[in-house]
All heavy atoms as atom14 arrays in JSON, in Angstrom:
{
  "sequence": "WTLAELIGYLRTWSATARFVAERGFDPVVEVERSLSRDWGD",
  "atom14_mask": [
    [1, 1, 1, 1, 1, 1, 1, 1, 1, 1, 1, 1, 1, 1],
    [1, 1, 1, 1, 1, 1, 1, 0, 0, 0, 0, 0, 0, 0],
    [1, 1, 1, 1, 1, 1, 1, 1, 0, 0, 0, 0, 0, 0],
    [1, 1, 1, 1, 1, 0, 0, 0, 0, 0, 0, 0, 0, 0],
    [1, 1, 1, 1, 1, 1, 1, 1, 1, 0, 0, 0, 0, 0],
    [1, 1, 1, 1, 1, 1, 1, 1, 0, 0, 0, 0, 0, 0],
    [1, 1, 1, 1, 1, 1, 1, 1, 0, 0, 0, 0, 0, 0],
    [1, 1, 1, 1, 0, 0, 0, 0, 0, 0, 0, 0, 0, 0],
    [1, 1, 1, 1, 1, 1, 1, 1, 1, 1, 1, 1, 0, 0],
    [1, 1, 1, 1, 1, 1, 1, 1, 0, 0, 0, 0, 0, 0],
    [1, 1, 1, 1, 1, 1, 1, 1, 1, 1, 1, 0, 0, 0],
    [1, 1, 1, 1, 1, 1, 1, 0, 0, 0, 0, 0, 0, 0],
    [1, 1, 1, 1, 1, 1, 1, 1, 1, 1, 1, 1, 1, 1],
    [1, 1, 1, 1, 1, 1, 0, 0, 0, 0, 0, 0, 0, 0],
    [1, 1, 1, 1, 1, 0, 0, 0, 0, 0, 0, 0, 0, 0],
    [1, 1, 1, 1, 1, 1, 1, 0, 0, 0, 0, 0, 0, 0],
    [1, 1, 1, 1, 1, 0, 0, 0, 0, 0, 0, 0, 0, 0],
    [1, 1, 1, 1, 1, 1, 1, 1, 1, 1, 1, 0, 0, 0],
    [1, 1, 1, 1, 1, 1, 1, 1, 1, 1, 1, 0, 0, 0],
    [1, 1, 1, 1, 1, 1, 1, 0, 0, 0, 0, 0, 0, 0],
    [1, 1, 1, 1, 1, 0, 0, 0, 0, 0, 0, 0, 0, 0],
    [1, 1, 1, 1, 1, 1, 1, 1, 1, 0, 0, 0, 0, 0],
    [1, 1, 1, 1, 1, 1, 1, 1, 1, 1, 1, 0, 0, 0],
    [1, 1, 1, 1, 0, 0, 0, 0, 0, 0, 0, 0, 0, 0],
    [1, 1, 1, 1, 1, 1, 1, 1, 1, 1, 1, 0, 0, 0],
    [1, 1, 1, 1, 1, 1, 1, 1, 0, 0, 0, 0, 0, 0],
    [1, 1, 1, 1, 1, 1, 1, 0, 0, 0, 0, 0, 0, 0],
    [1, 1, 1, 1, 1, 1, 1, 0, 0, 0, 0, 0, 0, 0],
    [1, 1, 1, 1, 1, 1, 1, 0, 0, 0, 0, 0, 0, 0],
    [1, 1, 1, 1, 1, 1, 1, 1, 1, 0, 0, 0, 0, 0],
    [1, 1, 1, 1, 1, 1, 1, 0, 0, 0, 0, 0, 0, 0],
    [1, 1, 1, 1, 1, 1, 1, 1, 1, 0, 0, 0, 0, 0],
    [1, 1, 1, 1, 1, 1, 1, 1, 1, 1, 1, 0, 0, 0],
    [1, 1, 1, 1, 1, 1, 0, 0, 0, 0, 0, 0, 0, 0],
    [1, 1, 1, 1, 1, 1, 1, 1, 0, 0, 0, 0, 0, 0],
    [1, 1, 1, 1, 1, 1, 0, 0, 0, 0, 0, 0, 0, 0],
    [1, 1, 1, 1, 1, 1, 1, 1, 1, 1, 1, 0, 0, 0],
    [1, 1, 1, 1, 1, 1, 1, 1, 0, 0, 0, 0, 0, 0],
    [1, 1, 1, 1, 1, 1, 1, 1, 1, 1, 1, 1, 1, 1],
    [1, 1, 1, 1, 0, 0, 0, 0, 0, 0, 0, 0, 0, 0],
    [1, 1, 1, 1, 1, 1, 1, 1, 0, 0, 0, 0, 0, 0]
  ],
  "atom14_positions": [
    [[0.82, -1.2, 0.0], [0.0, 0.0, 0.0], [0.86, 1.25, 0.0], [1.96, 1.26, 0.55], [-0.87, 0.05, 1.25], [-2.08, -0.8, 1.22], [-2.65, -1.39, 0.14], [-2.88, -1.17, 2.33], [-3.75, -2.11, 0.52], [-3.91, -1.98, 1.86], [-2.82, -0.9, 3.69], [-4.88, -2.52, 2.69], [-3.78, -1.44, 4.51], [-4.8, -2.23, 4.01]],
    [[0.31, 2.3, -0.58], [0.9, 3.62, -0.41], [0.48, 4.13, 0.97], [-0.42, 3.55, 1.61], [0.39, 4.61, -1.48], [-1.02, 4.76, -1.31], [0.73, 4.14, -2.89], [0.0, 0.0, 0.0], [0.0, 0.0, 0.0], [0.0, 0.0, 0.0], [0.0, 0.0, 0.0], [0.0, 0.0, 0.0], [0.0, 0.0, 0.0], [0.0, 0.0, 0.0]],
    [[1.09, 5.2, 1.4], [0.7, 5.77, 2.69], [-0.77, 6.18, 2.67], [-1.5, 5.95, 3.64], [1.6, 6.97, 3.04], [1.3, 7.65, 4.37], [1.41, 6.68, 5.53], [2.21, 8.84, 4.57], [0.0, 0.0, 0.0], [0.0, 0.0, 0.0], [0.0, 0.0, 0.0], [0.0, 0.0, 0.0], [0.0, 0.0, 0.0], [0.0, 0.0, 0.0]],
    [[-1.22, 6.77, 1.58], [-2.63, 7.19, 1.49], [-3.57, 6.0, 1.6], [-4.64, 6.11, 2.22], [-2.85, 7.94, 0.18], [0.0, 0.0, 0.0], [0.0, 0.0, 0.0], [0.0, 0.0, 0.0], [0.0, 0.0, 0.0], [0.0, 0.0, 0.0], [0.0, 0.0, 0.0], [0.0, 0.0, 0.0], [0.0, 0.0, 0.0], [0.0, 0.0, 0.0]],
    [[-3.21, 4.88, 1.01], [-4.07, 3.69, 1.1], [-4.13, 3.16, 2.53], [-5.19, 2.79, 3.02], [-3.57, 2.61, 0.15], [-3.8, 2.95, -1.3], [-3.08, 2.02, -2.26], [-1.95, 1.59, -1.96], [-3.66, 1.75, -3.33], [0.0, 0.0, 0.0], [0.0, 0.0, 0.0], [0.0, 0.0, 0.0], [0.0, 0.0, 0.0], [0.0, 0.0, 0.0]],
    [[-2.99, 3.16, 3.2], [-2.96, 2.7, 4.59], [-3.79, 3.62, 5.48], [-4.61, 3.16, 6.27], [-1.52, 2.63, 5.1], [-1.36, 2.27, 6.58], [-1.99, 0.93, 6.9], [0.11, 2.3, 6.96], [0.0, 0.0, 0.0], [0.0, 0.0, 0.0], [0.0, 0.0, 0.0], [0.0, 0.0, 0.0], [0.0, 0.0, 0.0], [0.0, 0.0, 0.0]],
    [[-3.61, 4.91, 5.32], [-4.37, 5.88, 6.12], [-5.86, 5.77, 5.82], [-6.69, 5.82, 6.72], [-3.84, 7.31, 5.87], [-2.4, 7.43, 6.37], [-4.73, 8.36, 6.5], [-2.17, 7.08, 7.82], [0.0, 0.0, 0.0], [0.0, 0.0, 0.0], [0.0, 0.0, 0.0], [0.0, 0.0, 0.0], [0.0, 0.0, 0.0], [0.0, 0.0, 0.0]],
    [[-6.2, 5.59, 4.56], [-7.61, 5.39, 4.19], [-8.2, 4.17, 4.86], [-9.34, 4.19, 5.34], [0.0, 0.0, 0.0], [0.0, 0.0, 0.0], [0.0, 0.0, 0.0], [0.0, 0.0, 0.0], [0.0, 0.0, 0.0], [0.0, 0.0, 0.0], [0.0, 0.0, 0.0], [0.0, 0.0, 0.0], [0.0, 0.0, 0.0], [0.0, 0.0, 0.0]],
    [[-7.42, 3.09, 4.92], [-7.87, 1.87, 5.59], [-8.12, 2.13, 7.08], [-9.15, 1.71, 7.62], [-6.83, 0.76, 5.4], [-7.11, -0.47, 6.19], [-8.18, -1.31, 5.88], [-6.31, -0.81, 7.28], [-8.43, -2.45, 6.62], [-6.55, -1.95, 8.03], [-7.62, -2.76, 7.7], [-7.88, -3.88, 8.43], [0.0, 0.0, 0.0], [0.0, 0.0, 0.0]],
    [[-7.21, 2.82, 7.73], [-7.4, 3.11, 9.16], [-8.66, 3.92, 9.41], [-9.33, 3.76, 10.43], [-6.19, 3.87, 9.72], [-4.86, 3.12, 9.7], [-3.74, 4.02, 10.23], [-4.93, 1.83, 10.5], [0.0, 0.0, 0.0], [0.0, 0.0, 0.0], [0.0, 0.0, 0.0], [0.0, 0.0, 0.0], [0.0, 0.0, 0.0], [0.0, 0.0, 0.0]],
    [[-9.01, 4.76, 8.46], [-10.22, 5.59, 8.62], [-11.51, 4.8, 8.37], [-12.59, 5.29, 8.67], [-10.15, 6.8, 7.7], [-9.15, 7.8, 8.21], [-9.41, 9.2, 7.7], [-8.56, 10.14, 8.39], [-7.46, 10.69, 7.87], [-7.1, 10.41, 6.63], [-6.74, 11.54, 8.58], [0.0, 0.0, 0.0], [0.0, 0.0, 0.0], [0.0, 0.0, 0.0]],
    [[-11.42, 3.59, 7.84], [-12.62, 2.77, 7.65], [-13.03, 2.05, 8.92], [-14.13, 1.51, 8.99], [-12.44, 1.71, 6.53], [-11.49, 0.71, 6.97], [-12.03, 2.32, 5.22], [0.0, 0.0, 0.0], [0.0, 0.0, 0.0], [0.0, 0.0, 0.0], [0.0, 0.0, 0.0], [0.0, 0.0, 0.0], [0.0, 0.0, 0.0], [0.0, 0.0, 0.0]],
    [[-12.17, 2.02, 9.9], [-12.47, 1.3, 11.14], [-13.61, 1.97, 11.89], [-13.63, 3.19, 12.07], [-11.25, 1.25, 12.04], [-10.11, 0.44, 11.54], [-10.04, -0.29, 10.39], [-8.84, 0.29, 12.18], [-8.81, -0.88, 10.28], [-8.05, -0.55, 11.36], [-8.29, 0.79, 13.35], [-6.76, -0.9, 11.69], [-7.0, 0.44, 13.68], [-6.25, -0.41, 12.86]],
    [[-14.53, 1.19, 12.38], [-15.63, 1.74, 13.17], [-15.1, 2.36, 14.46], [-15.65, 3.35, 14.95], [-16.67, 0.67, 13.48], [-16.1, -0.41, 14.19], [0.0, 0.0, 0.0], [0.0, 0.0, 0.0], [0.0, 0.0, 0.0], [0.0, 0.0, 0.0], [0.0, 0.0, 0.0], [0.0, 0.0, 0.0], [0.0, 0.0, 0.0], [0.0, 0.0, 0.0]],
    [[-14.03, 1.81, 15.0], [-13.43, 2.38, 16.21], [-12.92, 3.8, 15.96], [-13.01, 4.67, 16.84], [-12.31, 1.49, 16.72], [0.0, 0.0, 0.0], [0.0, 0.0, 0.0], [0.0, 0.0, 0.0], [0.0, 0.0, 0.0], [0.0, 0.0, 0.0], [0.0, 0.0, 0.0], [0.0, 0.0, 0.0], [0.0, 0.0, 0.0], [0.0, 0.0, 0.0]],
    [[-12.39, 4.05, 14.78], [-11.93, 5.39, 14.44], [-13.1, 6.35, 14.38], [-13.04, 7.46, 14.93], [-11.17, 5.39, 13.09], [-10.07, 4.48, 13.18], [-10.66, 6.77, 12.73], [0.0, 0.0, 0.0], [0.0, 0.0, 0.0], [0.0, 0.0, 0.0], [0.0, 0.0, 0.0], [0.0, 0.0, 0.0], [0.0, 0.0, 0.0], [0.0, 0.0, 0.0]],
    [[-14.19, 5.93, 13.76], [-15.38, 6.78, 13.67], [-15.95, 7.07, 15.06], [-16.35, 8.22, 15.34], [-16.44, 6.11, 12.8], [0.0, 0.0, 0.0], [0.0, 0.0, 0.0], [0.0, 0.0, 0.0], [0.0, 0.0, 0.0], [0.0, 0.0, 0.0], [0.0, 0.0, 0.0], [0.0, 0.0, 0.0], [0.0, 0.0, 0.0], [0.0, 0.0, 0.0]],
    [[-15.98, 6.07, 15.93], [-16.47, 6.28, 17.3], [-15.57, 7.26, 18.05], [-16.04, 8.14, 18.77], [-16.54, 4.96, 18.07], [-17.79, 4.16, 17.8], [-18.0, 3.04, 18.8], [-16.82, 2.23, 19.04], [-16.46, 1.18, 18.33], [-17.19, 0.79, 17.3], [-15.38, 0.49, 18.64], [0.0, 0.0, 0.0], [0.0, 0.0, 0.0], [0.0, 0.0, 0.0]],
    [[-14.27, 7.12, 17.88], [-13.31, 8.02, 18.54], [-13.57, 9.45, 18.1], [-13.63, 10.36, 18.93], [-11.88, 7.59, 18.2], [-10.84, 8.37, 18.95], [-10.27, 7.85, 20.09], [-10.41, 9.61, 18.49], [-9.29, 8.56, 20.79], [-9.45, 10.33, 19.19], [-8.88, 9.8, 20.34], [0.0, 0.0, 0.0], [0.0, 0.0, 0.0], [0.0, 0.0, 0.0]],
    [[-13.71, 9.66, 16.8], [-13.96, 11.01, 16.27], [-15.27, 11.57, 16.84], [-15.33, 12.72, 17.27], [-13.97, 11.01, 14.73], [-14.43, 12.35, 14.18], [-12.58, 10.65, 14.19], [0.0, 0.0, 0.0], [0.0, 0.0, 0.0], [0.0, 0.0, 0.0], [0.0, 0.0, 0.0], [0.0, 0.0, 0.0], [0.0, 0.0, 0.0], [0.0, 0.0, 0.0]],
    [[-16.31, 10.73, 16.86], [-17.61, 11.18, 17.37], [-17.55, 11.54, 18.85], [-18.16, 12.52, 19.29], [-18.66, 10.1, 17.13], [0.0, 0.0, 0.0], [0.0, 0.0, 0.0], [0.0, 0.0, 0.0], [0.0, 0.0, 0.0], [0.0, 0.0, 0.0], [0.0, 0.0, 0.0], [0.0, 0.0, 0.0], [0.0, 0.0, 0.0], [0.0, 0.0, 0.0]],
    [[-16.81, 10.76, 19.62], [-16.75, 10.98, 21.06], [-15.78, 12.08, 21.47], [-16.01, 12.8, 22.43], [-16.35, 9.69, 21.77], [-17.42, 8.62, 21.7], [-16.95, 7.27, 22.24], [-15.84, 7.19, 22.82], [-17.71, 6.29, 22.07], [0.0, 0.0, 0.0], [0.0, 0.0, 0.0], [0.0, 0.0, 0.0], [0.0, 0.0, 0.0], [0.0, 0.0, 0.0]],
    [[-14.67, 12.21, 20.74], [-13.62, 13.14, 21.17], [-13.46, 14.37, 20.28], [-12.77, 15.31, 20.64], [-12.29, 12.4, 21.25], [-12.42, 11.16, 22.1], [-11.33, 11.0, 23.06], [-11.58, 9.84, 23.89], [-10.69, 8.95, 24.21], [-9.46, 9.08, 23.77], [-11.0, 7.93, 24.98], [0.0, 0.0, 0.0], [0.0, 0.0, 0.0], [0.0, 0.0, 0.0]],
    [[-14.07, 14.31, 19.1], [-14.07, 15.49, 18.26], [-12.82, 15.73, 17.42], [-12.67, 16.8, 16.85], [0.0, 0.0, 0.0], [0.0, 0.0, 0.0], [0.0, 0.0, 0.0], [0.0, 0.0, 0.0], [0.0, 0.0, 0.0], [0.0, 0.0, 0.0], [0.0, 0.0, 0.0], [0.0, 0.0, 0.0], [0.0, 0.0, 0.0], [0.0, 0.0, 0.0]],
    [[-11.93, 14.74, 17.35], [-10.78, 14.89, 16.46], [-10.39, 13.53, 15.91], [-10.73, 12.5, 16.48], [-9.6, 15.58, 17.16], [-8.94, 14.76, 18.24], [-7.83, 13.98, 17.97], [-9.44, 14.77, 19.53], [-7.22, 13.23, 18.97], [-8.83, 14.03, 20.55], [-7.73, 13.26, 20.26], [0.0, 0.0, 0.0], [0.0, 0.0, 0.0], [0.0, 0.0, 0.0]],
    [[-9.7, 13.56, 14.79], [-9.31, 12.34, 14.09], [-7.92, 11.9, 14.55], [-6.93, 12.57, 14.26], [-9.31, 12.62, 12.58], [-8.97, 11.42, 11.74], [-8.66, 10.34, 12.3], [-9.0, 11.55, 10.5], [0.0, 0.0, 0.0], [0.0, 0.0, 0.0], [0.0, 0.0, 0.0], [0.0, 0.0, 0.0], [0.0, 0.0, 0.0], [0.0, 0.0, 0.0]],
    [[-7.81, 10.75, 15.24], [-6.51, 10.3, 15.73], [-5.58, 9.84, 14.61], [-4.37, 9.76, 14.79], [-6.86, 9.14, 16.66], [-8.11, 8.58, 16.07], [-8.86, 9.79, 15.57], [0.0, 0.0, 0.0], [0.0, 0.0, 0.0], [0.0, 0.0, 0.0], [0.0, 0.0, 0.0], [0.0, 0.0, 0.0], [0.0, 0.0, 0.0], [0.0, 0.0, 0.0]],
    [[-6.15, 9.56, 13.45], [-5.34, 9.08, 12.33], [-4.42, 10.17, 11.79], [-3.38, 9.88, 11.23], [-6.26, 8.48, 11.23], [-5.46, 8.01, 10.03], [-7.09, 7.33, 11.8], [0.0, 0.0, 0.0], [0.0, 0.0, 0.0], [0.0, 0.0, 0.0], [0.0, 0.0, 0.0], [0.0, 0.0, 0.0], [0.0, 0.0, 0.0], [0.0, 0.0, 0.0]],
    [[-4.78, 11.42, 12.02], [-3.93, 12.54, 11.57], [-2.54, 12.41, 12.18], [-1.53, 12.56, 11.48], [-4.57, 13.9, 11.94], [-3.6, 15.04, 11.7], [-5.86, 14.1, 11.15], [0.0, 0.0, 0.0], [0.0, 0.0, 0.0], [0.0, 0.0, 0.0], [0.0, 0.0, 0.0], [0.0, 0.0, 0.0], [0.0, 0.0, 0.0], [0.0, 0.0, 0.0]],
    [[-2.46, 12.11, 13.46], [-1.15, 11.98, 14.12], [-0.41, 10.74, 13.63], [0.81, 10.77, 13.45], [-1.32, 11.93, 15.64], [0.0, 11.88, 16.38], [0.95, 13.03, 16.07], [0.48, 14.16, 15.85], [2.17, 12.78, 16.04], [0.0, 0.0, 0.0], [0.0, 0.0, 0.0], [0.0, 0.0, 0.0], [0.0, 0.0, 0.0], [0.0, 0.0, 0.0]],
    [[-1.12, 9.66, 13.38], [-0.5, 8.45, 12.84], [0.1, 8.75, 11.47], [1.23, 8.38, 11.18], [-1.51, 7.28, 12.75], [-0.91, 6.09, 12.04], [-2.02, 6.9, 14.13], [0.0, 0.0, 0.0], [0.0, 0.0, 0.0], [0.0, 0.0, 0.0], [0.0, 0.0, 0.0], [0.0, 0.0, 0.0], [0.0, 0.0, 0.0], [0.0, 0.0, 0.0]],
    [[-0.66, 9.45, 10.64], [-0.18, 9.81, 9.31], [1.05, 10.7, 9.4], [2.04, 10.5, 8.68], [-1.28, 10.52, 8.52], [-0.88, 10.87, 7.12], [-2.02, 11.46, 6.32], [-3.02, 11.92, 6.92], [-1.92, 11.45, 5.09], [0.0, 0.0, 0.0], [0.0, 0.0, 0.0], [0.0, 0.0, 0.0], [0.0, 0.0, 0.0], [0.0, 0.0, 0.0]],
    [[1.02, 11.67, 10.28], [2.16, 12.57, 10.45], [3.41, 11.79, 10.85], [4.49, 11.98, 10.3], [1.81, 13.6, 11.52], [2.65, 14.84, 11.5], [2.16, 15.88, 12.49], [0.84, 16.4, 12.1], [-0.19, 16.58, 12.93], [-0.07, 16.29, 14.2], [-1.32, 17.06, 12.49], [0.0, 0.0, 0.0], [0.0, 0.0, 0.0], [0.0, 0.0, 0.0]],
    [[3.23, 10.88, 11.79], [4.35, 10.07, 12.27], [4.9, 9.15, 11.18], [6.11, 9.07, 10.98], [3.9, 9.26, 13.49], [4.92, 8.45, 13.96], [0.0, 0.0, 0.0], [0.0, 0.0, 0.0], [0.0, 0.0, 0.0], [0.0, 0.0, 0.0], [0.0, 0.0, 0.0], [0.0, 0.0, 0.0], [0.0, 0.0, 0.0], [0.0, 0.0, 0.0]],
    [[4.01, 8.45, 10.49], [4.45, 7.53, 9.45], [5.1, 8.25, 8.27], [6.05, 7.74, 7.68], [3.27, 6.69, 8.94], [2.78, 5.58, 9.87], [1.54, 4.93, 9.29], [3.86, 4.55, 10.11], [0.0, 0.0, 0.0], [0.0, 0.0, 0.0], [0.0, 0.0, 0.0], [0.0, 0.0, 0.0], [0.0, 0.0, 0.0], [0.0, 0.0, 0.0]],
    [[4.58, 9.42, 7.93], [5.11, 10.12, 6.76], [6.56, 10.54, 6.94], [7.29, 10.68, 5.97], [4.24, 11.32, 6.4], [4.31, 12.31, 7.4], [0.0, 0.0, 0.0], [0.0, 0.0, 0.0], [0.0, 0.0, 0.0], [0.0, 0.0, 0.0], [0.0, 0.0, 0.0], [0.0, 0.0, 0.0], [0.0, 0.0, 0.0], [0.0, 0.0, 0.0]],
    [[6.99, 10.71, 8.18], [8.4, 11.08, 8.43], [9.35, 9.96, 8.0], [10.47, 10.22, 7.56], [8.61, 11.39, 9.91], [8.06, 12.73, 10.33], [8.53, 13.11, 11.71], [7.92, 12.31, 12.77], [6.84, 12.65, 13.45], [6.25, 13.8, 13.2], [6.36, 11.88, 14.39], [0.0, 0.0, 0.0], [0.0, 0.0, 0.0], [0.0, 0.0, 0.0]],
    [[8.91, 8.72, 8.13], [9.78, 7.57, 7.82], [9.43, 6.87, 6.51], [10.16, 6.0, 6.06], [9.71, 6.54, 8.95], [10.24, 7.1, 10.25], [11.28, 7.8, 10.22], [9.64, 6.85, 11.3], [0.0, 0.0, 0.0], [0.0, 0.0, 0.0], [0.0, 0.0, 0.0], [0.0, 0.0, 0.0], [0.0, 0.0, 0.0], [0.0, 0.0, 0.0]],
    [[8.3, 7.21, 5.91], [7.81, 6.51, 4.72], [8.67, 6.77, 3.5], [8.84, 5.93, 2.64], [6.36, 6.91, 4.45], [5.65, 6.0, 3.52], [5.64, 6.04, 2.16], [4.83, 4.89, 3.88], [4.85, 5.05, 1.65], [4.34, 4.32, 2.69], [4.45, 4.32, 5.09], [3.5, 3.21, 2.69], [3.61, 3.23, 5.08], [3.16, 2.68, 3.9]],
    [[9.2, 7.98, 3.39], [9.9, 8.38, 2.18], [8.89, 8.93, 1.19], [7.96, 9.63, 1.58], [0.0, 0.0, 0.0], [0.0, 0.0, 0.0], [0.0, 0.0, 0.0], [0.0, 0.0, 0.0], [0.0, 0.0, 0.0], [0.0, 0.0, 0.0], [0.0, 0.0, 0.0], [0.0, 0.0, 0.0], [0.0, 0.0, 0.0], [0.0, 0.0, 0.0]],
    [[9.05, 8.59, -0.08], [8.12, 9.05, -1.11], [6.74, 8.48, -0.8], [6.54, 7.26, -0.82], [8.59, 8.56, -2.48], [7.69, 9.0, -3.62], [6.63, 9.61, -3.38], [8.05, 8.71, -4.78], [0.0, 0.0, 0.0], [0.0, 0.0, 0.0], [0.0, 0.0, 0.0], [0.0, 0.0, 0.0], [0.0, 0.0, 0.0], [0.0, 0.0, 0.0]]
  ]
}
């Protein structure tokens, strides 16, 4: 997968949607930020 495909997959999780609904922010943003530093292209 590309980074975008992996991040898109993480956003399909029902747990991610519940987290966003309950806490008001997307936790995947920080995961993407962290992974992009080491992913390269």
